[in-house]
Amino acid sequence: MKLIQREYSRQMKCLEQLLTLSRSFFAILALIFSFSLCYGAEIELKSKVTVSSNYVTLGDIAHIKGSNFEKKLLSEIKIGNVGICSRRTLSKEEIAKRIANFLRKNGVSFREIRITGTDYTTIKSLCVEIDKEHIRKLVEDFIKKNYSKYEVISVPGLSVKLPTNNYKEKLILDSLSDRYARFIYEIYTNGNRFKKFWIPVRIEKKVKVVVAVKPIPRGSKIDPQDVAVREVRKSRARGGTDNLKAIVGATARRDILPGEVIKERDITPNFAVRKNLPVKVVYRRGSLRIELLGIANQDGLIGDIIKVRNPSTGKVILCRVIGNGLVEFVSD
């Protein structure tokens, strides 16, 4: 009789420990597993966690203390799901109920389970965002490497969210014209294609023009070190030239900033020959040299081929400008 009373007293003592309150959400969960086994454990909830899968277990969101049996069993309890690149918040009470339901359904009993830690746990799924700037850089690097005569003008505002940071991407050129290119952009995770996109890209050809490399004040003479021939978009190059001789020595009509294309309207050329003004025409044939007077029909820089009129006969001839007011006959 005394033995029975002692056993009954032991069981009652065990059952009295089944519930411990911590504020309104402090849970103690217990079910009768056997008279000879009576386990205990502590679950310390984390306030914020990031998971790599949408399948969330108790082991993902809490530190579990107890025997190996308890830790293994409790850590595998499914708490819920979280969508791709999303978040959810669970209260301590909700988590306690899910633990209790799992234990009850599986017929498992613990002497005592204490749930401590934060009152609310925020769960975020691992998310890697591939934004527009990343994709634009991929496209620009591809064009620069394979089609250097083009420049990227615009790329659509594409954004992709991935539930993993272990991925591979592939960019394939599908078509190319003077103004547009179309790419295929693919993302692979675990060897499988996760996403595929068609990306229309606006592009523009580049041409060579003279640009300023230093500030050039209005009214100043342009020196060779002030300018260089660079490649720019065709639309920016309108009115420009790649002829350095036409720019060097000219006078700036306005303040010109570094990087600006120097256009015809921006300068007063330093013509060696002026239209409707007299020029000296040199005629050479072997050792024979003849000089005569002509009238320039065009402005001309050194090296230009211009038309010159013989005032005596009215005949127009082609001459090359070789100096200030000086041209050389090249043909009739």
C-alpha atoms as a PDB file:
ATOM      1  CA  MET A   1       0.000   0.000   0.000  1.00  0.00           C
ATOM      2  CA  LYS A   2       2.834   2.388   0.855  1.00  0.00           C
ATOM      3  CA  LEU A   3       4.554   1.483  -2.434  1.00  0.00           C
ATOM      4  CA  ILE A   4       1.409   2.401  -4.361  1.00  0.00           C
ATOM      5  CA  GLN A   5       1.079   5.664  -2.474  1.00  0.00           C
ATOM      6  CA  ARG A   6       4.716   6.574  -3.244  1.00  0.00           C
ATOM      7  CA  GLU A   7       4.201   5.830  -6.968  1.00  0.00           C
ATOM      8  CA  TYR A   8       0.990   7.829  -6.991  1.00  0.00           C
ATOM      9  CA  SER A   9       2.741  10.729  -5.233  1.00  0.00           C
ATOM     10  CA  ARG A  10       5.577  10.620  -7.793  1.00  0.00           C
ATOM     11  CA  GLN A  11       3.139  10.762 -10.717  1.00  0.00           C
ATOM     12  CA  MET A  12       1.212  13.646  -9.224  1.00  0.00           C
ATOM     13  CA  LYS A  13       4.406  15.585  -8.696  1.00  0.00           C
ATOM     14  CA  CYS A  14       5.374  15.019 -12.331  1.00  0.00           C
ATOM     15  CA  LEU A  15       1.949  16.136 -13.563  1.00  0.00           C
ATOM     16  CA  GLU A  16       2.058  19.290 -11.423  1.00  0.00           C
ATOM     17  CA  GLN A  17       5.037  20.408 -13.521  1.00  0.00           C
ATOM     18  CA  LEU A  18       3.103  20.153 -16.788  1.00  0.00           C
ATOM     19  CA  LEU A  19       2.270  23.865 -16.980  1.00  0.00           C
ATOM     20  CA  THR A  20       4.477  26.907 -16.240  1.00  0.00           C
ATOM     21  CA  LEU A  21       3.372  30.357 -17.251  1.00  0.00           C
ATOM     22  CA  SER A  22       5.674  33.099 -18.585  1.00  0.00           C
ATOM     23  CA  ARG A  23       3.433  36.106 -19.044  1.00  0.00           C
ATOM     24  CA  SER A  24       0.478  34.992 -21.163  1.00  0.00           C
ATOM     25  CA  PHE A  25       2.518  32.989 -23.719  1.00  0.00           C
ATOM     26  CA  PHE A  26       4.838  30.891 -21.514  1.00  0.00           C
ATOM     27  CA  ALA A  27       3.915  27.296 -22.335  1.00  0.00           C
ATOM     28  CA  ILE A  28       4.567  23.948 -20.669  1.00  0.00           C
ATOM     29  CA  LEU A  29       3.527  21.042 -22.762  1.00  0.00           C
ATOM     30  CA  ALA A  30       3.191  17.489 -21.498  1.00  0.00           C
ATOM     31  CA  LEU A  31       1.536  14.262 -22.381  1.00  0.00           C
ATOM     32  CA  ILE A  32       1.770  10.903 -20.626  1.00  0.00           C
ATOM     33  CA  PHE A  33       4.339   8.815 -22.494  1.00  0.00           C
ATOM     34  CA  SER A  34       4.977   6.118 -19.878  1.00  0.00           C
ATOM     35  CA  PHE A  35       5.222   5.853 -16.110  1.00  0.00           C
ATOM     36  CA  SER A  36       8.933   5.109 -16.284  1.00  0.00           C
ATOM     37  CA  LEU A  37      10.005   7.910 -18.742  1.00  0.00           C
ATOM     38  CA  CYS A  38       9.481  11.594 -17.963  1.00  0.00           C
ATOM     39  CA  TYR A  39      11.561  14.062 -20.112  1.00  0.00           C
ATOM     40  CA  GLY A  40      12.105  17.836 -19.844  1.00  0.00           C
ATOM     41  CA  ALA A  41      13.343  20.463 -22.344  1.00  0.00           C
ATOM     42  CA  GLU A  42      13.745  24.208 -22.856  1.00  0.00           C
ATOM     43  CA  ILE A  43      13.046  26.057 -26.115  1.00  0.00           C
ATOM     44  CA  GLU A  44      14.525  29.538 -26.452  1.00  0.00           C
ATOM     45  CA  LEU A  45      12.893  31.362 -29.357  1.00  0.00           C
ATOM     46  CA  LYS A  46      14.922  33.660 -31.610  1.00  0.00           C
ATOM     47  CA  SER A  47      13.547  37.094 -32.464  1.00  0.00           C
ATOM     48  CA  LYS A  48      14.649  37.079 -36.133  1.00  0.00           C
ATOM     49  CA  VAL A  49      15.742  34.235 -38.385  1.00  0.00           C
ATOM     50  CA  THR A  50      16.481  33.780 -42.071  1.00  0.00           C
ATOM     51  CA  VAL A  51      15.806  30.374 -43.601  1.00  0.00           C
ATOM     52  CA  SER A  52      17.026  28.943 -46.902  1.00  0.00           C
ATOM     53  CA  SER A  53      13.876  26.895 -47.462  1.00  0.00           C
ATOM     54  CA  ASN A  54      10.187  27.704 -47.302  1.00  0.00           C
ATOM     55  CA  TYR A  55       9.837  24.689 -44.963  1.00  0.00           C
ATOM     56  CA  VAL A  56      10.456  26.022 -41.424  1.00  0.00           C
ATOM     57  CA  THR A  57      11.229  23.769 -38.442  1.00  0.00           C
ATOM     58  CA  LEU A  58      11.528  24.508 -34.753  1.00  0.00           C
ATOM     59  CA  GLY A  59      15.284  23.989 -35.055  1.00  0.00           C
ATOM     60  CA  ASP A  60      15.401  26.929 -37.485  1.00  0.00           C
ATOM     61  CA  ILE A  61      13.821  29.400 -35.084  1.00  0.00           C
ATOM     62  CA  ALA A  62      14.963  28.299 -31.603  1.00  0.00           C
ATOM     63  CA  HIS A  63      17.829  27.114 -29.420  1.00  0.00           C
ATOM     64  CA  ILE A  64      16.773  23.787 -27.894  1.00  0.00           C
ATOM     65  CA  LYS A  65      18.186  22.461 -24.608  1.00  0.00           C
ATOM     66  CA  GLY A  66      17.625  18.971 -23.301  1.00  0.00           C
ATOM     67  CA  SER A  67      18.609  15.379 -23.931  1.00  0.00           C
ATOM     68  CA  ASN A  68      19.692  14.234 -27.388  1.00  0.00           C
ATOM     69  CA  PHE A  69      16.290  12.594 -27.816  1.00  0.00           C
ATOM     70  CA  GLU A  70      14.497  15.836 -27.001  1.00  0.00           C
ATOM     71  CA  LYS A  71      16.685  18.040 -29.176  1.00  0.00           C
ATOM     72  CA  LYS A  72      16.380  15.754 -32.194  1.00  0.00           C
ATOM     73  CA  LEU A  73      12.634  15.308 -31.855  1.00  0.00           C
ATOM     74  CA  LEU A  74      11.807  18.950 -31.175  1.00  0.00           C
ATOM     75  CA  SER A  75      14.141  20.413 -33.806  1.00  0.00           C
ATOM     76  CA  GLU A  76      12.320  18.495 -36.543  1.00  0.00           C
ATOM     77  CA  ILE A  77       8.854  19.810 -35.675  1.00  0.00           C
ATOM     78  CA  LYS A  78       7.412  21.687 -38.636  1.00  0.00           C
ATOM     79  CA  ILE A  79       6.375  25.195 -37.622  1.00  0.00           C
ATOM     80  CA  GLY A  80       5.078  26.390 -40.980  1.00  0.00           C
ATOM     81  CA  ASN A  81       6.022  27.690 -44.414  1.00  0.00           C
ATOM     82  CA  VAL A  82       7.313  31.026 -45.631  1.00  0.00           C
ATOM     83  CA  GLY A  83       6.960  32.088 -49.267  1.00  0.00           C
ATOM     84  CA  ILE A  84       9.774  32.887 -51.670  1.00  0.00           C
ATOM     85  CA  CYS A  85      11.439  36.155 -50.701  1.00  0.00           C
ATOM     86  CA  SER A  86       8.808  36.862 -48.035  1.00  0.00           C
ATOM     87  CA  ARG A  87       8.460  37.014 -44.256  1.00  0.00           C
ATOM     88  CA  ARG A  88       6.014  36.100 -41.518  1.00  0.00           C
ATOM     89  CA  THR A  89       5.803  36.642 -37.765  1.00  0.00           C
ATOM     90  CA  LEU A  90       4.643  34.015 -35.243  1.00  0.00           C
ATOM     91  CA  SER A  91       3.831  34.594 -31.597  1.00  0.00           C
ATOM     92  CA  LYS A  92       5.151  32.463 -28.775  1.00  0.00           C
ATOM     93  CA  GLU A  93       1.610  31.215 -28.188  1.00  0.00           C
ATOM     94  CA  GLU A  94       1.210  30.090 -31.824  1.00  0.00           C
ATOM     95  CA  ILE A  95       4.526  28.248 -31.721  1.00  0.00           C
ATOM     96  CA  ALA A  96       3.578  26.562 -28.413  1.00  0.00           C
ATOM     97  CA  LYS A  97       0.297  25.319 -29.901  1.00  0.00           C
ATOM     98  CA  ARG A  98       2.064  23.850 -32.933  1.00  0.00           C
ATOM     99  CA  ILE A  99       4.508  22.013 -30.675  1.00  0.00           C
ATOM    100  CA  ALA A 100       1.675  20.686 -28.525  1.00  0.00           C
ATOM    101  CA  ASN A 101      -0.303  19.510 -31.579  1.00  0.00           C
ATOM    102  CA  PHE A 102       2.710  17.691 -32.969  1.00  0.00           C
ATOM    103  CA  LEU A 103       3.424  15.891 -29.699  1.00  0.00           C
ATOM    104  CA  ARG A 104      -0.206  14.981 -29.199  1.00  0.00           C
ATOM    105  CA  LYS A 105      -0.576  13.570 -32.738  1.00  0.00           C
ATOM    106  CA  ASN A 106       2.584  11.509 -32.356  1.00  0.00           C
ATOM    107  CA  GLY A 107       1.814  10.266 -28.829  1.00  0.00           C
ATOM    108  CA  VAL A 108       4.967  11.747 -27.288  1.00  0.00           C
ATOM    109  CA  SER A 109       5.103  12.952 -23.677  1.00  0.00           C
ATOM    110  CA  PHE A 110       7.565  15.235 -21.919  1.00  0.00           C
ATOM    111  CA  ARG A 111       7.804  15.974 -18.221  1.00  0.00           C
ATOM    112  CA  GLU A 112       8.031  19.672 -19.009  1.00  0.00           C
ATOM    113  CA  ILE A 113       8.706  21.967 -21.958  1.00  0.00           C
ATOM    114  CA  ARG A 114       9.545  25.550 -21.193  1.00  0.00           C
ATOM    115  CA  ILE A 115       9.363  28.128 -23.969  1.00  0.00           C
ATOM    116  CA  THR A 116      11.490  31.194 -23.334  1.00  0.00           C
ATOM    117  CA  GLY A 117      12.926  33.992 -25.414  1.00  0.00           C
ATOM    118  CA  THR A 118      11.130  36.548 -27.524  1.00  0.00           C
ATOM    119  CA  ASP A 119       7.341  36.899 -27.605  1.00  0.00           C
ATOM    120  CA  TYR A 120       7.386  37.136 -31.402  1.00  0.00           C
ATOM    121  CA  THR A 121       9.625  35.475 -33.984  1.00  0.00           C
ATOM    122  CA  THR A 122      10.034  37.015 -37.444  1.00  0.00           C
ATOM    123  CA  ILE A 123      10.935  34.492 -40.135  1.00  0.00           C
ATOM    124  CA  LYS A 124      12.389  35.614 -43.473  1.00  0.00           C
ATOM    125  CA  SER A 125      13.234  33.368 -46.376  1.00  0.00           C
ATOM    126  CA  LEU A 126      16.685  33.778 -47.885  1.00  0.00           C
ATOM    127  CA  CYS A 127      16.340  36.192 -50.778  1.00  0.00           C
ATOM    128  CA  VAL A 128      18.807  37.396 -53.396  1.00  0.00           C
ATOM    129  CA  GLU A 129      17.555  40.212 -55.599  1.00  0.00           C
ATOM    130  CA  ILE A 130      19.004  40.654 -59.067  1.00  0.00           C
ATOM    131  CA  ASP A 131      18.204  44.259 -59.894  1.00  0.00           C
ATOM    132  CA  LYS A 132      18.233  46.422 -62.989  1.00  0.00           C
ATOM    133  CA  GLU A 133      21.753  47.753 -62.368  1.00  0.00           C
ATOM    134  CA  HIS A 134      23.209  44.247 -62.199  1.00  0.00           C
ATOM    135  CA  ILE A 135      21.537  43.224 -65.467  1.00  0.00           C
ATOM    136  CA  ARG A 136      22.542  46.497 -67.129  1.00  0.00           C
ATOM    137  CA  LYS A 137      26.174  45.857 -66.182  1.00  0.00           C
ATOM    138  CA  LEU A 138      25.980  42.335 -67.659  1.00  0.00           C
ATOM    139  CA  VAL A 139      24.646  43.776 -70.922  1.00  0.00           C
ATOM    140  CA  GLU A 140      27.187  46.623 -71.010  1.00  0.00           C
ATOM    141  CA  ASP A 141      30.101  44.264 -70.354  1.00  0.00           C
ATOM    142  CA  PHE A 142      28.865  41.931 -73.116  1.00  0.00           C
ATOM    143  CA  ILE A 143      28.526  44.770 -75.642  1.00  0.00           C
ATOM    144  CA  LYS A 144      31.874  46.281 -74.667  1.00  0.00           C
ATOM    145  CA  LYS A 145      33.651  42.952 -75.042  1.00  0.00           C
ATOM    146  CA  ASN A 146      31.996  41.754 -78.259  1.00  0.00           C
ATOM    147  CA  TYR A 147      30.656  44.876 -80.014  1.00  0.00           C
ATOM    148  CA  SER A 148      32.840  47.784 -78.958  1.00  0.00           C
ATOM    149  CA  LYS A 149      31.458  50.067 -81.684  1.00  0.00           C
ATOM    150  CA  TYR A 150      28.130  50.196 -79.846  1.00  0.00           C
ATOM    151  CA  GLU A 151      27.040  51.810 -76.596  1.00  0.00           C
ATOM    152  CA  VAL A 152      24.115  50.747 -74.405  1.00  0.00           C
ATOM    153  CA  ILE A 153      21.474  53.482 -74.064  1.00  0.00           C
ATOM    154  CA  SER A 154      18.773  51.802 -71.975  1.00  0.00           C
ATOM    155  CA  VAL A 155      17.877  48.455 -70.388  1.00  0.00           C
ATOM    156  CA  PRO A 156      14.365  47.575 -69.095  1.00  0.00           C
ATOM    157  CA  GLY A 157      13.770  47.794 -65.331  1.00  0.00           C
ATOM    158  CA  LEU A 158      13.922  44.047 -64.759  1.00  0.00           C
ATOM    159  CA  SER A 159      14.155  42.701 -61.193  1.00  0.00           C
ATOM    160  CA  VAL A 160      14.386  39.038 -60.147  1.00  0.00           C
ATOM    161  CA  LYS A 161      14.151  37.563 -56.638  1.00  0.00           C
ATOM    162  CA  LEU A 162      15.754  34.210 -55.831  1.00  0.00           C
ATOM    163  CA  PRO A 163      15.331  32.059 -52.709  1.00  0.00           C
ATOM    164  CA  THR A 164      19.025  31.094 -52.782  1.00  0.00           C
ATOM    165  CA  ASN A 165      22.444  32.658 -53.212  1.00  0.00           C
ATOM    166  CA  ASN A 166      23.680  29.589 -55.102  1.00  0.00           C
ATOM    167  CA  TYR A 167      22.762  30.358 -58.695  1.00  0.00           C
ATOM    168  CA  LYS A 168      24.263  30.768 -62.149  1.00  0.00           C
ATOM    169  CA  GLU A 169      23.221  33.178 -64.867  1.00  0.00           C
ATOM    170  CA  LYS A 170      23.622  33.194 -68.634  1.00  0.00           C
ATOM    171  CA  LEU A 171      23.274  36.071 -71.119  1.00  0.00           C
ATOM    172  CA  ILE A 172      22.801  35.231 -74.810  1.00  0.00           C
ATOM    173  CA  LEU A 173      22.563  37.718 -77.687  1.00  0.00           C
ATOM    174  CA  ASP A 174      19.503  36.876 -79.777  1.00  0.00           C
ATOM    175  CA  SER A 175      19.562  39.715 -82.325  1.00  0.00           C
ATOM    176  CA  LEU A 176      21.397  42.963 -83.089  1.00  0.00           C
ATOM    177  CA  SER A 177      20.644  46.013 -85.261  1.00  0.00           C
ATOM    178  CA  ASP A 178      21.938  49.586 -85.396  1.00  0.00           C
ATOM    179  CA  ARG A 179      19.507  50.719 -82.707  1.00  0.00           C
ATOM    180  CA  TYR A 180      18.368  47.637 -80.794  1.00  0.00           C
ATOM    181  CA  ALA A 181      19.682  44.376 -79.387  1.00  0.00           C
ATOM    182  CA  ARG A 182      17.674  41.552 -77.856  1.00  0.00           C
ATOM    183  CA  PHE A 183      19.124  39.276 -75.200  1.00  0.00           C
ATOM    184  CA  ILE A 184      18.005  36.048 -73.540  1.00  0.00           C
ATOM    185  CA  TYR A 185      18.732  36.102 -69.810  1.00  0.00           C
ATOM    186  CA  GLU A 186      18.554  32.791 -67.928  1.00  0.00           C
ATOM    187  CA  ILE A 187      19.004  31.924 -64.246  1.00  0.00           C
ATOM    188  CA  TYR A 188      19.847  28.412 -63.046  1.00  0.00           C
ATOM    189  CA  THR A 189      19.616  26.948 -59.533  1.00  0.00           C
ATOM    190  CA  ASN A 190      20.751  23.409 -58.718  1.00  0.00           C
ATOM    191  CA  GLY A 191      21.392  22.795 -62.398  1.00  0.00           C
ATOM    192  CA  ASN A 192      17.810  23.636 -63.389  1.00  0.00           C
ATOM    193  CA  ARG A 193      16.583  26.740 -65.156  1.00  0.00           C
ATOM    194  CA  PHE A 194      14.725  28.878 -62.638  1.00  0.00           C
ATOM    195  CA  LYS A 195      13.812  31.865 -64.838  1.00  0.00           C
ATOM    196  CA  LYS A 196      14.111  32.981 -68.461  1.00  0.00           C
ATOM    197  CA  PHE A 197      13.645  36.545 -69.731  1.00  0.00           C
ATOM    198  CA  TRP A 198      13.759  38.331 -73.088  1.00  0.00           C
ATOM    199  CA  ILE A 199      15.542  41.671 -72.690  1.00  0.00           C
ATOM    200  CA  PRO A 200      15.175  44.347 -75.406  1.00  0.00           C
ATOM    201  CA  VAL A 201      18.074  46.814 -75.174  1.00  0.00           C
ATOM    202  CA  ARG A 202      18.399  50.155 -76.937  1.00  0.00           C
ATOM    203  CA  ILE A 203      21.876  50.703 -78.329  1.00  0.00           C
ATOM    204  CA  GLU A 204      23.659  53.227 -80.514  1.00  0.00           C
ATOM    205  CA  LYS A 205      26.727  53.136 -82.697  1.00  0.00           C
ATOM    206  CA  LYS A 206      29.786  55.122 -81.694  1.00  0.00           C
ATOM    207  CA  VAL A 207      31.834  57.372 -83.971  1.00  0.00           C
ATOM    208  CA  LYS A 208      35.128  59.186 -83.567  1.00  0.00           C
ATOM    209  CA  VAL A 209      35.070  62.937 -82.966  1.00  0.00           C
ATOM    210  CA  VAL A 210      37.260  65.601 -81.430  1.00  0.00           C
ATOM    211  CA  VAL A 211      36.410  66.303 -77.780  1.00  0.00           C
ATOM    212  CA  ALA A 212      37.867  68.683 -75.242  1.00  0.00           C
ATOM    213  CA  VAL A 213      40.119  67.126 -72.604  1.00  0.00           C
ATOM    214  CA  LYS A 214      40.666  70.391 -70.743  1.00  0.00           C
ATOM    215  CA  PRO A 215      38.498  73.466 -70.083  1.00  0.00           C
ATOM    216  CA  ILE A 216      38.752  75.794 -73.094  1.00  0.00           C
ATOM    217  CA  PRO A 217      37.737  79.398 -72.280  1.00  0.00           C
ATOM    218  CA  ARG A 218      35.822  81.470 -74.796  1.00  0.00           C
ATOM    219  CA  GLY A 219      38.096  83.485 -77.085  1.00  0.00           C
ATOM    220  CA  SER A 220      41.158  81.303 -76.514  1.00  0.00           C
ATOM    221  CA  LYS A 221      43.125  79.490 -79.179  1.00  0.00           C
ATOM    222  CA  ILE A 222      42.764  75.721 -79.100  1.00  0.00           C
ATOM    223  CA  ASP A 223      46.109  73.962 -78.636  1.00  0.00           C
ATOM    224  CA  PRO A 224      46.877  70.293 -79.455  1.00  0.00           C
ATOM    225  CA  GLN A 225      46.960  69.328 -75.761  1.00  0.00           C
ATOM    226  CA  ASP A 226      43.431  70.713 -75.263  1.00  0.00           C
ATOM    227  CA  VAL A 227      41.721  68.114 -77.456  1.00  0.00           C
ATOM    228  CA  ALA A 228      41.714  64.433 -78.434  1.00  0.00           C
ATOM    229  CA  VAL A 229      39.841  62.119 -80.774  1.00  0.00           C
ATOM    230  CA  ARG A 230      37.433  59.916 -78.803  1.00  0.00           C
ATOM    231  CA  GLU A 231      34.525  57.582 -79.535  1.00  0.00           C
ATOM    232  CA  VAL A 232      31.086  58.892 -78.560  1.00  0.00           C
ATOM    233  CA  ARG A 233      27.486  58.017 -79.382  1.00  0.00           C
ATOM    234  CA  LYS A 234      26.447  59.002 -82.889  1.00  0.00           C
ATOM    235  CA  SER A 235      23.686  61.275 -81.591  1.00  0.00           C
ATOM    236  CA  ARG A 236      26.228  63.222 -79.497  1.00  0.00           C
ATOM    237  CA  ALA A 237      28.620  63.538 -82.415  1.00  0.00           C
ATOM    238  CA  ARG A 238      26.307  65.542 -84.693  1.00  0.00           C
ATOM    239  CA  GLY A 239      28.100  68.665 -85.882  1.00  0.00           C
ATOM    240  CA  GLY A 240      31.480  67.307 -84.757  1.00  0.00           C
ATOM    241  CA  THR A 241      34.497  66.166 -86.731  1.00  0.00           C
ATOM    242  CA  ASP A 242      37.339  63.701 -86.323  1.00  0.00           C
ATOM    243  CA  ASN A 243      39.723  66.087 -88.103  1.00  0.00           C
ATOM    244  CA  LEU A 244      42.072  67.480 -85.483  1.00  0.00           C
ATOM    245  CA  LYS A 245      43.541  69.918 -88.008  1.00  0.00           C
ATOM    246  CA  ALA A 246      40.150  71.608 -88.271  1.00  0.00           C
ATOM    247  CA  ILE A 247      40.069  72.210 -84.510  1.00  0.00           C
ATOM    248  CA  VAL A 248      43.659  72.860 -83.436  1.00  0.00           C
ATOM    249  CA  GLY A 249      44.503  76.515 -83.950  1.00  0.00           C
ATOM    250  CA  ALA A 250      40.860  77.587 -84.062  1.00  0.00           C
ATOM    251  CA  THR A 251      39.381  80.080 -81.600  1.00  0.00           C
ATOM    252  CA  ALA A 252      36.653  78.995 -79.163  1.00  0.00           C
ATOM    253  CA  ARG A 253      33.396  80.915 -79.510  1.00  0.00           C
ATOM    254  CA  ARG A 254      32.159  79.721 -76.098  1.00  0.00           C
ATOM    255  CA  ASP A 255      33.429  78.081 -72.929  1.00  0.00           C
ATOM    256  CA  ILE A 256      33.990  74.389 -73.721  1.00  0.00           C
ATOM    257  CA  LEU A 257      34.082  71.847 -70.875  1.00  0.00           C
ATOM    258  CA  PRO A 258      36.134  68.615 -70.731  1.00  0.00           C
ATOM    259  CA  GLY A 259      34.355  65.739 -72.482  1.00  0.00           C
ATOM    260  CA  GLU A 260      32.273  67.986 -74.746  1.00  0.00           C
ATOM    261  CA  VAL A 261      32.237  67.343 -78.484  1.00  0.00           C
ATOM    262  CA  ILE A 262      33.679  70.364 -80.283  1.00  0.00           C
ATOM    263  CA  LYS A 263      31.290  71.319 -83.064  1.00  0.00           C
ATOM    264  CA  GLU A 264      31.678  73.636 -86.015  1.00  0.00           C
ATOM    265  CA  ARG A 265      29.482  76.291 -84.424  1.00  0.00           C
ATOM    266  CA  ASP A 266      31.677  76.286 -81.291  1.00  0.00           C
ATOM    267  CA  ILE A 267      34.801  77.595 -83.024  1.00  0.00           C
ATOM    268  CA  THR A 268      36.140  80.132 -85.442  1.00  0.00           C
ATOM    269  CA  PRO A 269      38.462  78.076 -87.661  1.00  0.00           C
ATOM    270  CA  ASN A 270      41.984  79.249 -88.230  1.00  0.00           C
ATOM    271  CA  PHE A 271      41.765  79.107 -92.025  1.00  0.00           C
ATOM    272  CA  ALA A 272      45.054  79.428 -93.871  1.00  0.00           C
ATOM    273  CA  VAL A 273      43.117  80.561 -96.933  1.00  0.00           C
ATOM    274  CA  ARG A 274      39.980  82.700 -96.912  1.00  0.00           C
ATOM    275  CA  LYS A 275      37.187  82.676 -99.493  1.00  0.00           C
ATOM    276  CA  ASN A 276      37.323  85.481-102.099  1.00  0.00           C
ATOM    277  CA  LEU A 277      40.785  86.573-100.920  1.00  0.00           C
ATOM    278  CA  PRO A 278      43.947  86.423-103.060  1.00  0.00           C
ATOM    279  CA  VAL A 279      46.273  83.420-102.763  1.00  0.00           C
ATOM    280  CA  LYS A 280      49.621  82.583-104.246  1.00  0.00           C
ATOM    281  CA  VAL A 281      49.396  79.526-106.518  1.00  0.00           C
ATOM    282  CA  VAL A 282      52.543  77.413-106.935  1.00  0.00           C
ATOM    283  CA  TYR A 283      52.845  75.209-110.034  1.00  0.00           C
ATOM    284  CA  ARG A 284      55.568  72.521-110.086  1.00  0.00           C
ATOM    285  CA  ARG A 285      56.620  70.159-112.848  1.00  0.00           C
ATOM    286  CA  GLY A 286      59.967  68.556-112.168  1.00  0.00           C
ATOM    287  CA  SER A 287      62.480  71.380-111.780  1.00  0.00           C
ATOM    288  CA  LEU A 288      60.009  73.868-113.221  1.00  0.00           C
ATOM    289  CA  ARG A 289      58.305  76.153-110.696  1.00  0.00           C
ATOM    290  CA  ILE A 290      55.786  78.840-111.577  1.00  0.00           C
ATOM    291  CA  GLU A 291      53.957  81.179-109.229  1.00  0.00           C
ATOM    292  CA  LEU A 292      50.834  83.073-110.091  1.00  0.00           C
ATOM    293  CA  LEU A 293      48.020  84.934-108.368  1.00  0.00           C
ATOM    294  CA  GLY A 294      44.625  83.328-107.750  1.00  0.00           C
ATOM    295  CA  ILE A 295      41.380  83.995-105.904  1.00  0.00           C
ATOM    296  CA  ALA A 296      40.195  81.367-103.375  1.00  0.00           C
ATOM    297  CA  ASN A 297      36.656  80.163-104.014  1.00  0.00           C
ATOM    298  CA  GLN A 298      36.566  78.470-100.577  1.00  0.00           C
ATOM    299  CA  ASP A 299      37.940  78.746 -97.070  1.00  0.00           C
ATOM    300  CA  GLY A 300      40.694  76.219 -96.495  1.00  0.00           C
ATOM    301  CA  LEU A 301      42.810  74.715 -93.763  1.00  0.00           C
ATOM    302  CA  ILE A 302      46.302  73.456 -94.388  1.00  0.00           C
ATOM    303  CA  GLY A 303      45.987  70.179 -96.291  1.00  0.00           C
ATOM    304  CA  ASP A 304      42.521  70.937 -97.702  1.00  0.00           C
ATOM    305  CA  ILE A 305      41.833  70.714-101.429  1.00  0.00           C
ATOM    306  CA  ILE A 306      40.013  73.862-102.532  1.00  0.00           C
ATOM    307  CA  LYS A 307      38.948  75.568-105.749  1.00  0.00           C
ATOM    308  CA  VAL A 308      40.986  78.542-106.912  1.00  0.00           C
ATOM    309  CA  ARG A 309      40.055  80.870-109.796  1.00  0.00           C
ATOM    310  CA  ASN A 310      42.608  82.350-112.180  1.00  0.00           C
ATOM    311  CA  PRO A 311      41.536  86.014-112.377  1.00  0.00           C
ATOM    312  CA  SER A 312      43.165  86.447-115.800  1.00  0.00           C
ATOM    313  CA  THR A 313      41.398  83.587-117.571  1.00  0.00           C
ATOM    314  CA  GLY A 314      38.479  82.899-115.200  1.00  0.00           C
ATOM    315  CA  LYS A 315      39.489  79.238-115.148  1.00  0.00           C
ATOM    316  CA  VAL A 316      38.944  77.328-111.871  1.00  0.00           C
ATOM    317  CA  ILE A 317      41.620  74.889-110.740  1.00  0.00           C
ATOM    318  CA  LEU A 318      42.043  72.535-107.764  1.00  0.00           C
ATOM    319  CA  CYS A 319      44.780  73.354-105.291  1.00  0.00           C
ATOM    320  CA  ARG A 320      46.028  72.054-101.968  1.00  0.00           C
ATOM    321  CA  VAL A 321      46.483  74.536 -99.141  1.00  0.00           C
ATOM    322  CA  ILE A 322      50.118  74.400 -98.000  1.00  0.00           C
ATOM    323  CA  GLY A 323      50.425  77.598 -95.935  1.00  0.00           C
ATOM    324  CA  ASN A 324      48.853  80.905 -95.034  1.00  0.00           C
ATOM    325  CA  GLY A 325      47.667  82.401 -98.333  1.00  0.00           C
ATOM    326  CA  LEU A 326      49.610  79.713-100.198  1.00  0.00           C
ATOM    327  CA  VAL A 327      48.283  76.857-102.347  1.00  0.00           C
ATOM    328  CA  GLU A 328      49.772  74.280-104.682  1.00  0.00           C
ATOM    329  CA  PHE A 329      48.250  73.322-108.028  1.00  0.00           C
ATOM    330  CA  VAL A 330      47.132  69.669-108.137  1.00  0.00           C
ATOM    331  CA  SER A 331      44.945  69.399-111.302  1.00  0.00           C
ATOM    332  CA  ASP A 332      42.688  71.201-113.701  1.00  0.00           C
END
